[in-house]
Protein backbone atom coordinates (compact mmCIF):
# COMPACT_ATOMS: atom_id res chain seq x y z
CA UNK A 1 11.73 -1.81 10.07
CA UNK A 2 9.05 -4.72 9.56
CA UNK A 3 6.84 -4.50 7.08
CA UNK A 4 4.59 -5.77 4.22
CA UNK A 5 6.06 -5.44 -0.10
CA UNK A 6 3.66 -5.92 -2.86
CA UNK A 7 4.39 -4.70 -6.44
CA UNK A 8 1.61 -4.60 -8.73
CA UNK A 9 0.78 -3.12 -12.15
CA UNK A 10 -2.10 -1.17 -13.02
CA UNK A 11 -4.30 -0.16 -15.83
CA UNK A 12 -5.51 3.35 -16.14
CA UNK A 13 -9.31 3.45 -13.92
CA UNK A 14 -7.83 0.33 -12.07
CA UNK A 15 -8.26 0.76 -8.20
CA UNK A 16 -6.67 -1.40 -5.82
CA UNK A 17 -8.28 -3.32 -2.51
CA UNK A 18 -5.88 -4.33 0.65
CA UNK A 19 -7.39 -6.64 2.57
CA UNK A 20 -6.08 -6.48 6.27
CA UNK A 21 -6.33 -8.52 8.85
CA UNK A 22 -5.21 -8.40 12.39
CA UNK A 23 -4.07 -4.99 13.21
CA UNK A 24 -5.35 -1.41 11.24
CA UNK A 25 -2.08 -0.44 9.73
CA UNK A 26 -1.04 2.04 7.11
CA UNK A 27 -1.62 1.01 3.20
CA UNK A 28 1.40 3.41 0.99
CA UNK A 29 1.28 3.52 -2.63
CA UNK A 30 4.60 4.43 -4.14
CA UNK A 31 6.55 4.37 -6.59
CA UNK A 32 10.28 2.62 -7.45
CA UNK A 33 11.17 5.96 -6.01
CA UNK A 34 9.46 7.06 -3.09
CA UNK A 35 9.45 3.32 -2.05
CA UNK A 36 13.35 3.41 -1.63
CA UNK A 37 13.02 6.54 -0.10
CA UNK A 38 10.83 4.51 1.90
CA UNK A 39 12.95 1.83 2.48
CA UNK A 40 16.06 4.08 3.95
CA UNK A 41 14.16 6.38 6.46
CA UNK A 42 13.66 9.05 3.88
CA UNK A 43 11.39 11.50 3.17
CA UNK A 44 8.80 9.97 0.75
CA UNK A 45 5.54 10.14 -1.11
CA UNK A 46 2.22 8.18 -0.92
CA UNK A 47 -1.27 7.53 -1.19
CA UNK A 48 -2.87 5.56 0.72
CA UNK A 49 -2.86 6.16 4.65
CA UNK A 50 -4.06 4.36 8.06
CA UNK A 51 -7.07 2.48 7.19
CA UNK A 52 -8.79 1.06 10.08
CA UNK A 53 -10.92 -1.40 8.40
CA UNK A 54 -10.51 -3.75 5.32
CA UNK A 55 -10.61 -3.77 2.46
CA UNK A 56 -8.34 -0.49 2.45
CA UNK A 57 -9.33 1.10 -1.55
CA UNK A 58 -6.28 3.09 -2.75
CA UNK A 59 -6.22 4.80 -6.23
CA UNK A 60 -3.05 5.23 -8.16
CA UNK A 61 -2.59 8.47 -9.24
CA UNK A 62 -1.86 6.88 -12.67
CA UNK A 63 -0.96 3.30 -14.74
CA UNK A 64 1.81 1.49 -14.13
CA UNK A 65 4.27 -0.23 -11.67
CA UNK A 66 3.83 0.50 -7.90
CA UNK A 67 4.84 -0.77 -4.52
CA UNK A 68 1.80 -1.78 -1.92
CA UNK A 69 2.80 -1.12 1.51
CA UNK A 70 1.57 -2.57 4.71
CA UNK A 71 3.61 -1.41 8.56
CA UNK A 72 2.07 -0.91 11.36
CA UNK A 73 3.88 2.47 11.81
CA UNK A 74 6.15 1.51 14.75
CA UNK A 75 2.90 -0.08 16.62
CA UNK A 76 2.47 -2.99 18.28
CA UNK A 77 0.23 -6.07 16.58
CA UNK A 78 0.33 -8.33 14.21
CA UNK A 79 -1.02 -7.48 10.32
CA UNK A 80 -1.54 -10.11 6.94
CA UNK A 81 -2.37 -8.87 4.34
CA UNK A 82 -4.25 -9.62 0.64
CA UNK A 83 -3.63 -7.05 -2.29
CA UNK A 84 -5.94 -7.52 -5.96
CA UNK A 85 -5.67 -5.05 -8.96
CA UNK A 86 -9.74 -4.53 -9.67
CA UNK A 87 -10.99 -2.72 -13.22
CA UNK A 88 -13.34 -0.24 -12.55
CA UNK A 89 -14.03 -0.50 -16.90
């Protein structure tokens, strides 16, 4: 399974901006436990979804350490991404 993984840390009120280049892609925001499940092919929970347009904006449910995963869901294509944490304050 090929995917891009970015580790980020957020504060209350932050949003995550993911700029995609190339194909549309899944942008998945998850904690360490769900990321390990994702990597192992087990069931996992995430915030985000499939984005056809860039940038993808995802709001973390809480402050903390997160993984931003970008993948093509098994589809053909190529994608690159840039991730920024933006403060709404």
